[in-house]
Amino acid sequence: MPLPADAHIGSVSLTVTDLDRSVSFYRDVLGFTELSRQDSTSVLSADGAGALIELHERRDAIPKPRRSTGLFHFAILVPSRAALGRSLRRLADRQWPLSGVADHLVSEALYLNDPDGLGIEIYRDRPRETWRTAHGELAMATDPLDVQGVAAEPGAELPWQGLESGTVIGHVHLHVPRIEAGEAFFCGEIGFEPMVRGYPGALFAAAGGYHHHLGMNTWVGVDAPPPPENAVGLRSFTIAAGHLERRRVSDAGTGVVVAMAGGA
């Protein structure tokens, strides 16, 4: 059964090696606020109320092996192009390197890694009425980004005050062992609907006609194994909607737990 049209990614839970170092990055570089900290866990927010990221420290954690499934990146969706420009300027001010930039037609995106090497995308959506279709599916691409235009967007020059309150987790992108296995689990069992099949070795799926709440790819190799249990990376993510059966299920192919909860 498809997910409700209002379903969206609620939050992500990450394993990190050094909690203080990670909180400093997510707070002082990206602009989150720390809602709470207990023992080896920190909860981060954009608006000071709703939890978007949970950081779990594991001192014996190892880097995620390159040829393994699990997190490719999680994506922070900011509410405007000006907000994206402020994030771009903040990263430049803090001299935090970007790993890439792209215009995806439906969105504009910045890519970077956190202190543990976990992939992060910061992006803004173009208005949905401007999205186009091609060959029977939503048109997406990886084109050069107008970086200067983003940085010069009116409002991008305003003093940095952290992330805007409308910031959310927009999507999660995973390495999977096989596209068909990922589709069987995330579409067949969880209820996302395929949106874009045109990228080689990838599938993008969503609820409610969004471009993607979930990306899947085999870019590190078909039949790549799950990462070790003590590797840094994505532990779980939540899917929220107004009416959704509360349950938790683990994907054997990636080791990632998906938690679903209604009332959000």
C-alpha atoms as a PDB file:
ATOM      1  CA  MET A   1       0.000   0.000   0.000  1.00  0.00           C
ATOM      2  CA  PRO A   2       1.418   3.434  -0.909  1.00  0.00           C
ATOM      3  CA  LEU A   3       2.402   5.786   1.871  1.00  0.00           C
ATOM      4  CA  PRO A   4       0.026   8.695   2.582  1.00  0.00           C
ATOM      5  CA  ALA A   5       0.547  11.729   0.358  1.00  0.00           C
ATOM      6  CA  ASP A   6       1.773  13.781   3.345  1.00  0.00           C
ATOM      7  CA  ALA A   7       4.436  11.245   4.329  1.00  0.00           C
ATOM      8  CA  HIS A   8       7.927  12.684   4.674  1.00  0.00           C
ATOM      9  CA  ILE A   9      11.263  11.974   6.305  1.00  0.00           C
ATOM     10  CA  GLY A  10      11.070  13.032   9.930  1.00  0.00           C
ATOM     11  CA  SER A  11      14.557  12.535  11.361  1.00  0.00           C
ATOM     12  CA  VAL A  12      17.787  10.588  10.993  1.00  0.00           C
ATOM     13  CA  SER A  13      19.870   8.800  13.614  1.00  0.00           C
ATOM     14  CA  LEU A  14      23.637   8.588  13.104  1.00  0.00           C
ATOM     15  CA  THR A  15      26.538   6.766  14.727  1.00  0.00           C
ATOM     16  CA  VAL A  16      29.578   9.032  15.235  1.00  0.00           C
ATOM     17  CA  THR A  17      32.937   8.539  16.923  1.00  0.00           C
ATOM     18  CA  ASP A  18      33.266  11.775  18.920  1.00  0.00           C
ATOM     19  CA  LEU A  19      30.061  13.420  20.122  1.00  0.00           C
ATOM     20  CA  ASP A  20      31.607  16.753  21.083  1.00  0.00           C
ATOM     21  CA  ARG A  21      33.321  17.070  17.709  1.00  0.00           C
ATOM     22  CA  SER A  22      30.141  16.191  15.812  1.00  0.00           C
ATOM     23  CA  VAL A  23      27.910  18.526  17.832  1.00  0.00           C
ATOM     24  CA  SER A  24      30.381  21.334  17.231  1.00  0.00           C
ATOM     25  CA  PHE A  25      30.194  20.721  13.483  1.00  0.00           C
ATOM     26  CA  TYR A  26      26.425  20.386  13.226  1.00  0.00           C
ATOM     27  CA  ARG A  27      25.863  23.380  15.499  1.00  0.00           C
ATOM     28  CA  ASP A  28      28.646  25.815  14.626  1.00  0.00           C
ATOM     29  CA  VAL A  29      29.103  25.018  10.916  1.00  0.00           C
ATOM     30  CA  LEU A  30      25.679  23.832   9.739  1.00  0.00           C
ATOM     31  CA  GLY A  31      23.545  25.870  12.141  1.00  0.00           C
ATOM     32  CA  PHE A  32      21.564  23.307  14.152  1.00  0.00           C
ATOM     33  CA  THR A  33      20.736  23.827  17.812  1.00  0.00           C
ATOM     34  CA  GLU A  34      21.212  21.146  20.446  1.00  0.00           C
ATOM     35  CA  LEU A  35      17.884  20.246  22.037  1.00  0.00           C
ATOM     36  CA  SER A  36      19.214  17.783  24.572  1.00  0.00           C
ATOM     37  CA  ARG A  37      22.153  15.628  25.505  1.00  0.00           C
ATOM     38  CA  GLN A  38      22.108  12.502  27.606  1.00  0.00           C
ATOM     39  CA  ASP A  39      25.117  10.270  28.101  1.00  0.00           C
ATOM     40  CA  SER A  40      26.424   9.535  24.590  1.00  0.00           C
ATOM     41  CA  THR A  41      23.437  10.894  22.628  1.00  0.00           C
ATOM     42  CA  SER A  42      22.666  14.395  21.349  1.00  0.00           C
ATOM     43  CA  VAL A  43      19.420  15.562  19.705  1.00  0.00           C
ATOM     44  CA  LEU A  44      19.602  18.414  17.193  1.00  0.00           C
ATOM     45  CA  SER A  45      16.934  20.758  15.842  1.00  0.00           C
ATOM     46  CA  ALA A  46      16.566  23.574  13.335  1.00  0.00           C
ATOM     47  CA  ASP A  47      13.716  25.385  15.111  1.00  0.00           C
ATOM     48  CA  GLY A  48      14.528  24.625  18.741  1.00  0.00           C
ATOM     49  CA  ALA A  49      11.554  22.276  19.053  1.00  0.00           C
ATOM     50  CA  GLY A  50      11.431  19.426  16.535  1.00  0.00           C
ATOM     51  CA  ALA A  51      14.179  16.800  16.503  1.00  0.00           C
ATOM     52  CA  LEU A  52      15.822  16.298  13.104  1.00  0.00           C
ATOM     53  CA  ILE A  53      19.108  14.538  13.901  1.00  0.00           C
ATOM     54  CA  GLU A  54      20.152  12.171  16.678  1.00  0.00           C
ATOM     55  CA  LEU A  55      23.881  11.665  17.166  1.00  0.00           C
ATOM     56  CA  HIS A  56      25.002   8.529  18.999  1.00  0.00           C
ATOM     57  CA  GLU A  57      28.626   8.367  20.067  1.00  0.00           C
ATOM     58  CA  ARG A  58      30.462   5.089  19.742  1.00  0.00           C
ATOM     59  CA  ARG A  59      34.113   5.471  20.619  1.00  0.00           C
ATOM     60  CA  ASP A  60      35.107   2.170  19.012  1.00  0.00           C
ATOM     61  CA  ALA A  61      33.332   2.997  15.741  1.00  0.00           C
ATOM     62  CA  ILE A  62      35.274   2.426  12.541  1.00  0.00           C
ATOM     63  CA  PRO A  63      34.967   4.244   9.211  1.00  0.00           C
ATOM     64  CA  LYS A  64      32.260   2.895   6.926  1.00  0.00           C
ATOM     65  CA  PRO A  65      33.956   0.629   4.364  1.00  0.00           C
ATOM     66  CA  ARG A  66      33.795   2.147   0.900  1.00  0.00           C
ATOM     67  CA  ARG A  67      32.264  -0.983  -0.627  1.00  0.00           C
ATOM     68  CA  SER A  68      29.333  -1.378   1.709  1.00  0.00           C
ATOM     69  CA  THR A  69      25.651  -0.543   1.706  1.00  0.00           C
ATOM     70  CA  GLY A  70      23.992   1.991   3.976  1.00  0.00           C
ATOM     71  CA  LEU A  71      24.273   5.757   3.934  1.00  0.00           C
ATOM     72  CA  PHE A  72      25.292   7.592   0.762  1.00  0.00           C
ATOM     73  CA  HIS A  73      24.018  10.884   2.153  1.00  0.00           C
ATOM     74  CA  PHE A  74      21.142  12.416   4.054  1.00  0.00           C
ATOM     75  CA  ALA A  75      19.729  15.703   2.834  1.00  0.00           C
ATOM     76  CA  ILE A  76      18.878  18.886   4.708  1.00  0.00           C
ATOM     77  CA  LEU A  77      16.116  20.791   2.898  1.00  0.00           C
ATOM     78  CA  VAL A  78      16.203  24.553   3.495  1.00  0.00           C
ATOM     79  CA  PRO A  79      13.117  26.667   2.737  1.00  0.00           C
ATOM     80  CA  SER A  80      14.496  29.092   0.139  1.00  0.00           C
ATOM     81  CA  ARG A  81      17.318  29.890  -2.266  1.00  0.00           C
ATOM     82  CA  ALA A  82      18.392  32.703   0.067  1.00  0.00           C
ATOM     83  CA  ALA A  83      18.696  30.166   2.898  1.00  0.00           C
ATOM     84  CA  LEU A  84      20.817  27.941   0.647  1.00  0.00           C
ATOM     85  CA  GLY A  85      22.977  30.967  -0.137  1.00  0.00           C
ATOM     86  CA  ARG A  86      23.463  31.668   3.567  1.00  0.00           C
ATOM     87  CA  SER A  87      24.538  28.061   4.142  1.00  0.00           C
ATOM     88  CA  LEU A  88      26.958  28.332   1.219  1.00  0.00           C
ATOM     89  CA  ARG A  89      28.438  31.527   2.651  1.00  0.00           C
ATOM     90  CA  ARG A  90      28.656  29.954   6.110  1.00  0.00           C
ATOM     91  CA  LEU A  91      30.572  26.955   4.792  1.00  0.00           C
ATOM     92  CA  ALA A  92      32.963  29.311   2.991  1.00  0.00           C
ATOM     93  CA  ASP A  93      33.401  31.437   6.123  1.00  0.00           C
ATOM     94  CA  ARG A  94      34.228  28.347   8.187  1.00  0.00           C
ATOM     95  CA  GLN A  95      36.426  26.999   5.366  1.00  0.00           C
ATOM     96  CA  TRP A  96      34.519  23.711   5.365  1.00  0.00           C
ATOM     97  CA  PRO A  97      35.144  21.972   2.023  1.00  0.00           C
ATOM     98  CA  LEU A  98      32.389  21.013  -0.372  1.00  0.00           C
ATOM     99  CA  SER A  99      32.541  17.614  -2.055  1.00  0.00           C
ATOM    100  CA  GLY A 100      30.267  18.759  -4.880  1.00  0.00           C
ATOM    101  CA  VAL A 101      27.503  21.051  -6.100  1.00  0.00           C
ATOM    102  CA  ALA A 102      24.696  20.359  -8.561  1.00  0.00           C
ATOM    103  CA  ASP A 103      21.566  21.652 -10.239  1.00  0.00           C
ATOM    104  CA  HIS A 104      19.094  18.756 -10.296  1.00  0.00           C
ATOM    105  CA  LEU A 105      16.396  20.702 -12.206  1.00  0.00           C
ATOM    106  CA  VAL A 106      13.953  20.138  -9.349  1.00  0.00           C
ATOM    107  CA  SER A 107      16.441  21.453  -6.795  1.00  0.00           C
ATOM    108  CA  GLU A 108      19.827  23.092  -6.214  1.00  0.00           C
ATOM    109  CA  ALA A 109      22.275  21.294  -3.965  1.00  0.00           C
ATOM    110  CA  LEU A 110      25.523  21.509  -2.022  1.00  0.00           C
ATOM    111  CA  TYR A 111      27.381  18.361  -0.945  1.00  0.00           C
ATOM    112  CA  LEU A 112      29.843  17.893   1.913  1.00  0.00           C
ATOM    113  CA  ASN A 113      30.965  15.392   4.542  1.00  0.00           C
ATOM    114  CA  ASP A 114      30.745  15.592   8.319  1.00  0.00           C
ATOM    115  CA  PRO A 115      33.799  14.961  10.571  1.00  0.00           C
ATOM    116  CA  ASP A 116      33.269  11.187  10.293  1.00  0.00           C
ATOM    117  CA  GLY A 117      33.028  11.330   6.510  1.00  0.00           C
ATOM    118  CA  LEU A 118      29.243  10.890   6.451  1.00  0.00           C
ATOM    119  CA  GLY A 119      27.674  12.382   3.339  1.00  0.00           C
ATOM    120  CA  ILE A 120      25.392  15.405   3.649  1.00  0.00           C
ATOM    121  CA  GLU A 121      23.404  17.321   1.052  1.00  0.00           C
ATOM    122  CA  ILE A 122      22.015  20.803   1.714  1.00  0.00           C
ATOM    123  CA  TYR A 123      19.439  21.782  -0.900  1.00  0.00           C
ATOM    124  CA  ARG A 124      16.474  23.921  -1.812  1.00  0.00           C
ATOM    125  CA  ASP A 125      13.557  22.859  -3.961  1.00  0.00           C
ATOM    126  CA  ARG A 126      12.365  24.748  -6.982  1.00  0.00           C
ATOM    127  CA  PRO A 127       8.578  25.345  -6.979  1.00  0.00           C
ATOM    128  CA  ARG A 128       6.790  22.117  -7.800  1.00  0.00           C
ATOM    129  CA  GLU A 129       4.873  23.752 -10.652  1.00  0.00           C
ATOM    130  CA  THR A 130       8.199  24.232 -12.477  1.00  0.00           C
ATOM    131  CA  TRP A 131       9.138  20.537 -12.368  1.00  0.00           C
ATOM    132  CA  ARG A 132       9.039  18.880 -15.782  1.00  0.00           C
ATOM    133  CA  THR A 133       8.614  15.346 -17.053  1.00  0.00           C
ATOM    134  CA  ALA A 134      10.597  13.502 -19.686  1.00  0.00           C
ATOM    135  CA  HIS A 135      10.084  10.012 -21.071  1.00  0.00           C
ATOM    136  CA  GLY A 136       7.158   9.437 -18.758  1.00  0.00           C
ATOM    137  CA  GLU A 137       8.867  10.330 -15.495  1.00  0.00           C
ATOM    138  CA  LEU A 138      10.020  13.343 -13.544  1.00  0.00           C
ATOM    139  CA  ALA A 139      12.975  15.059 -15.184  1.00  0.00           C
ATOM    140  CA  MET A 140      16.066  15.200 -12.958  1.00  0.00           C
ATOM    141  CA  ALA A 141      19.697  15.763 -13.884  1.00  0.00           C
ATOM    142  CA  THR A 142      23.084  16.561 -12.404  1.00  0.00           C
ATOM    143  CA  ASP A 143      23.968  19.854 -14.085  1.00  0.00           C
ATOM    144  CA  PRO A 144      26.452  22.554 -13.036  1.00  0.00           C
ATOM    145  CA  LEU A 145      25.181  24.760 -10.216  1.00  0.00           C
ATOM    146  CA  ASP A 146      25.131  28.535 -10.512  1.00  0.00           C
ATOM    147  CA  VAL A 147      27.183  28.922  -7.329  1.00  0.00           C
ATOM    148  CA  GLN A 148      27.631  32.665  -7.743  1.00  0.00           C
ATOM    149  CA  GLY A 149      23.906  33.102  -8.269  1.00  0.00           C
ATOM    150  CA  VAL A 150      23.112  31.144  -5.099  1.00  0.00           C
ATOM    151  CA  ALA A 151      25.626  33.160  -3.065  1.00  0.00           C
ATOM    152  CA  ALA A 152      24.271  36.434  -4.495  1.00  0.00           C
ATOM    153  CA  GLU A 153      20.567  35.598  -4.021  1.00  0.00           C
ATOM    154  CA  PRO A 154      18.873  38.534  -2.262  1.00  0.00           C
ATOM    155  CA  GLY A 155      18.870  37.749   1.457  1.00  0.00           C
ATOM    156  CA  ALA A 156      21.874  35.432   1.283  1.00  0.00           C
ATOM    157  CA  GLU A 157      24.080  38.268   2.540  1.00  0.00           C
ATOM    158  CA  LEU A 158      22.198  38.620   5.830  1.00  0.00           C
ATOM    159  CA  PRO A 159      24.157  37.811   9.010  1.00  0.00           C
ATOM    160  CA  TRP A 160      24.324  34.121   9.855  1.00  0.00           C
ATOM    161  CA  GLN A 161      21.838  33.116  12.536  1.00  0.00           C
ATOM    162  CA  GLY A 162      21.758  29.376  11.997  1.00  0.00           C
ATOM    163  CA  LEU A 163      19.250  27.317  10.062  1.00  0.00           C
ATOM    164  CA  GLU A 164      15.799  28.725   9.418  1.00  0.00           C
ATOM    165  CA  SER A 165      12.859  27.215  11.279  1.00  0.00           C
ATOM    166  CA  GLY A 166      11.397  25.753   8.070  1.00  0.00           C
ATOM    167  CA  THR A 167      14.405  23.473   7.601  1.00  0.00           C
ATOM    168  CA  VAL A 168      13.620  19.737   7.490  1.00  0.00           C
ATOM    169  CA  ILE A 169      15.242  16.459   6.511  1.00  0.00           C
ATOM    170  CA  GLY A 170      14.292  16.262   2.839  1.00  0.00           C
ATOM    171  CA  HIS A 171      15.477  12.808   1.859  1.00  0.00           C
ATOM    172  CA  VAL A 172      17.817   9.917   2.546  1.00  0.00           C
ATOM    173  CA  HIS A 173      19.991   8.312  -0.132  1.00  0.00           C
ATOM    174  CA  LEU A 174      21.303   4.782   0.381  1.00  0.00           C
ATOM    175  CA  HIS A 175      23.714   2.364  -1.195  1.00  0.00           C
ATOM    176  CA  VAL A 176      21.771  -0.881  -1.678  1.00  0.00           C
ATOM    177  CA  PRO A 177      22.987  -4.322  -2.809  1.00  0.00           C
ATOM    178  CA  ARG A 178      20.590  -4.468  -5.765  1.00  0.00           C
ATOM    179  CA  ILE A 179      18.040  -1.986  -7.087  1.00  0.00           C
ATOM    180  CA  GLU A 180      15.351  -4.648  -7.375  1.00  0.00           C
ATOM    181  CA  ALA A 181      15.905  -5.696  -3.739  1.00  0.00           C
ATOM    182  CA  GLY A 182      15.807  -2.075  -2.584  1.00  0.00           C
ATOM    183  CA  GLU A 183      12.624  -1.471  -4.548  1.00  0.00           C
ATOM    184  CA  ALA A 184      11.002  -4.604  -3.123  1.00  0.00           C
ATOM    185  CA  PHE A 185      11.670  -3.391   0.424  1.00  0.00           C
ATOM    186  CA  PHE A 186      11.304   0.385   0.292  1.00  0.00           C
ATOM    187  CA  CYS A 187       8.506   0.469  -2.302  1.00  0.00           C
ATOM    188  CA  GLY A 188       6.864  -2.922  -1.915  1.00  0.00           C
ATOM    189  CA  GLU A 189       6.987  -3.151   1.879  1.00  0.00           C
ATOM    190  CA  ILE A 190       7.380   0.444   3.097  1.00  0.00           C
ATOM    191  CA  GLY A 191       5.152   2.051   0.442  1.00  0.00           C
ATOM    192  CA  PHE A 192       7.267   4.614  -1.420  1.00  0.00           C
ATOM    193  CA  GLU A 193       6.415   5.007  -5.104  1.00  0.00           C
ATOM    194  CA  PRO A 194       9.102   4.933  -7.833  1.00  0.00           C
ATOM    195  CA  MET A 195       9.607   8.384  -9.343  1.00  0.00           C
ATOM    196  CA  VAL A 196      12.814   8.331 -11.426  1.00  0.00           C
ATOM    197  CA  ARG A 197      14.513   5.305 -12.969  1.00  0.00           C
ATOM    198  CA  GLY A 198      16.610   7.189 -15.517  1.00  0.00           C
ATOM    199  CA  TYR A 199      19.858   7.344 -13.547  1.00  0.00           C
ATOM    200  CA  PRO A 200      22.119   4.337 -14.236  1.00  0.00           C
ATOM    201  CA  GLY A 201      22.280   2.110 -11.193  1.00  0.00           C
ATOM    202  CA  ALA A 202      19.817   4.215  -9.208  1.00  0.00           C
ATOM    203  CA  LEU A 203      16.153   4.558  -8.299  1.00  0.00           C
ATOM    204  CA  PHE A 204      14.450   7.549  -6.690  1.00  0.00           C
ATOM    205  CA  ALA A 205      11.197   7.011  -4.797  1.00  0.00           C
ATOM    206  CA  ALA A 206       8.798   9.199  -2.854  1.00  0.00           C
ATOM    207  CA  ALA A 207       5.356   9.739  -1.381  1.00  0.00           C
ATOM    208  CA  GLY A 208       2.838  12.293  -2.609  1.00  0.00           C
ATOM    209  CA  GLY A 209       4.542  13.023  -5.934  1.00  0.00           C
ATOM    210  CA  TYR A 210       7.701  14.504  -4.400  1.00  0.00           C
ATOM    211  CA  HIS A 211      10.875  14.103  -6.472  1.00  0.00           C
ATOM    212  CA  HIS A 212      12.376  11.764  -3.893  1.00  0.00           C
ATOM    213  CA  HIS A 213      12.239  11.026  -0.210  1.00  0.00           C
ATOM    214  CA  LEU A 214      14.519   8.058  -0.797  1.00  0.00           C
ATOM    215  CA  GLY A 215      17.365   7.456  -3.223  1.00  0.00           C
ATOM    216  CA  MET A 216      18.852   4.009  -3.847  1.00  0.00           C
ATOM    217  CA  ASN A 217      21.976   3.179  -5.829  1.00  0.00           C
ATOM    218  CA  THR A 218      24.481   0.406  -6.485  1.00  0.00           C
ATOM    219  CA  TRP A 219      27.368   2.767  -7.247  1.00  0.00           C
ATOM    220  CA  VAL A 220      29.781   1.001  -4.848  1.00  0.00           C
ATOM    221  CA  GLY A 221      29.049  -2.324  -6.521  1.00  0.00           C
ATOM    222  CA  VAL A 222      26.230  -4.791  -6.976  1.00  0.00           C
ATOM    223  CA  ASP A 223      25.844  -7.121  -3.977  1.00  0.00           C
ATOM    224  CA  ALA A 224      27.923  -4.876  -1.726  1.00  0.00           C
ATOM    225  CA  PRO A 225      27.623  -6.140   1.882  1.00  0.00           C
ATOM    226  CA  PRO A 226      26.118  -4.214   4.787  1.00  0.00           C
ATOM    227  CA  PRO A 227      28.643  -2.220   6.850  1.00  0.00           C
ATOM    228  CA  PRO A 228      29.969  -3.705  10.102  1.00  0.00           C
ATOM    229  CA  GLU A 229      27.751  -3.166  13.130  1.00  0.00           C
ATOM    230  CA  ASN A 230      30.349  -0.846  14.674  1.00  0.00           C
ATOM    231  CA  ALA A 231      30.804   1.390  11.611  1.00  0.00           C
ATOM    232  CA  VAL A 232      29.852   5.061  11.621  1.00  0.00           C
ATOM    233  CA  GLY A 233      26.804   5.843   9.531  1.00  0.00           C
ATOM    234  CA  LEU A 234      23.027   5.800   9.432  1.00  0.00           C
ATOM    235  CA  ARG A 235      21.346   3.807  12.186  1.00  0.00           C
ATOM    236  CA  SER A 236      17.743   4.624  11.300  1.00  0.00           C
ATOM    237  CA  PHE A 237      15.396   7.191   9.830  1.00  0.00           C
ATOM    238  CA  THR A 238      11.767   7.980  10.513  1.00  0.00           C
ATOM    239  CA  ILE A 239       8.839   8.430   8.158  1.00  0.00           C
ATOM    240  CA  ALA A 240       6.079  10.677   9.509  1.00  0.00           C
ATOM    241  CA  ALA A 241       2.541  11.355   8.291  1.00  0.00           C
ATOM    242  CA  GLY A 242      -0.836  12.325   9.692  1.00  0.00           C
ATOM    243  CA  HIS A 243      -2.174   8.769   9.486  1.00  0.00           C
ATOM    244  CA  LEU A 244       0.446   6.049   9.509  1.00  0.00           C
ATOM    245  CA  GLU A 245       0.724   2.717  11.279  1.00  0.00           C
ATOM    246  CA  ARG A 246       3.423   2.889  13.942  1.00  0.00           C
ATOM    247  CA  ARG A 247       6.058   0.250  13.289  1.00  0.00           C
ATOM    248  CA  ARG A 248       9.779  -0.353  12.930  1.00  0.00           C
ATOM    249  CA  VAL A 249      11.352  -2.558  10.312  1.00  0.00           C
ATOM    250  CA  SER A 250      14.975  -3.244   9.379  1.00  0.00           C
ATOM    251  CA  ASP A 251      16.285  -3.568   5.837  1.00  0.00           C
ATOM    252  CA  ALA A 252      18.559  -6.609   5.749  1.00  0.00           C
ATOM    253  CA  GLY A 253      20.370  -5.271   2.690  1.00  0.00           C
ATOM    254  CA  THR A 254      21.566  -2.050   4.319  1.00  0.00           C
ATOM    255  CA  GLY A 255      21.178  -2.632   8.059  1.00  0.00           C
ATOM    256  CA  VAL A 256      19.122   0.571   8.305  1.00  0.00           C
ATOM    257  CA  VAL A 257      16.030   0.647  10.503  1.00  0.00           C
ATOM    258  CA  VAL A 258      12.941   2.472   9.206  1.00  0.00           C
ATOM    259  CA  ALA A 259      10.571   3.770  11.890  1.00  0.00           C
ATOM    260  CA  MET A 260       7.075   4.921  10.929  1.00  0.00           C
ATOM    261  CA  ALA A 261       4.858   7.096  13.104  1.00  0.00           C
ATOM    262  CA  GLY A 262       1.552   8.867  12.559  1.00  0.00           C
ATOM    263  CA  GLY A 263       0.422  12.199  13.910  1.00  0.00           C
ATOM    264  CA  ALA A 264       3.274  14.298  12.481  1.00  0.00           C
END
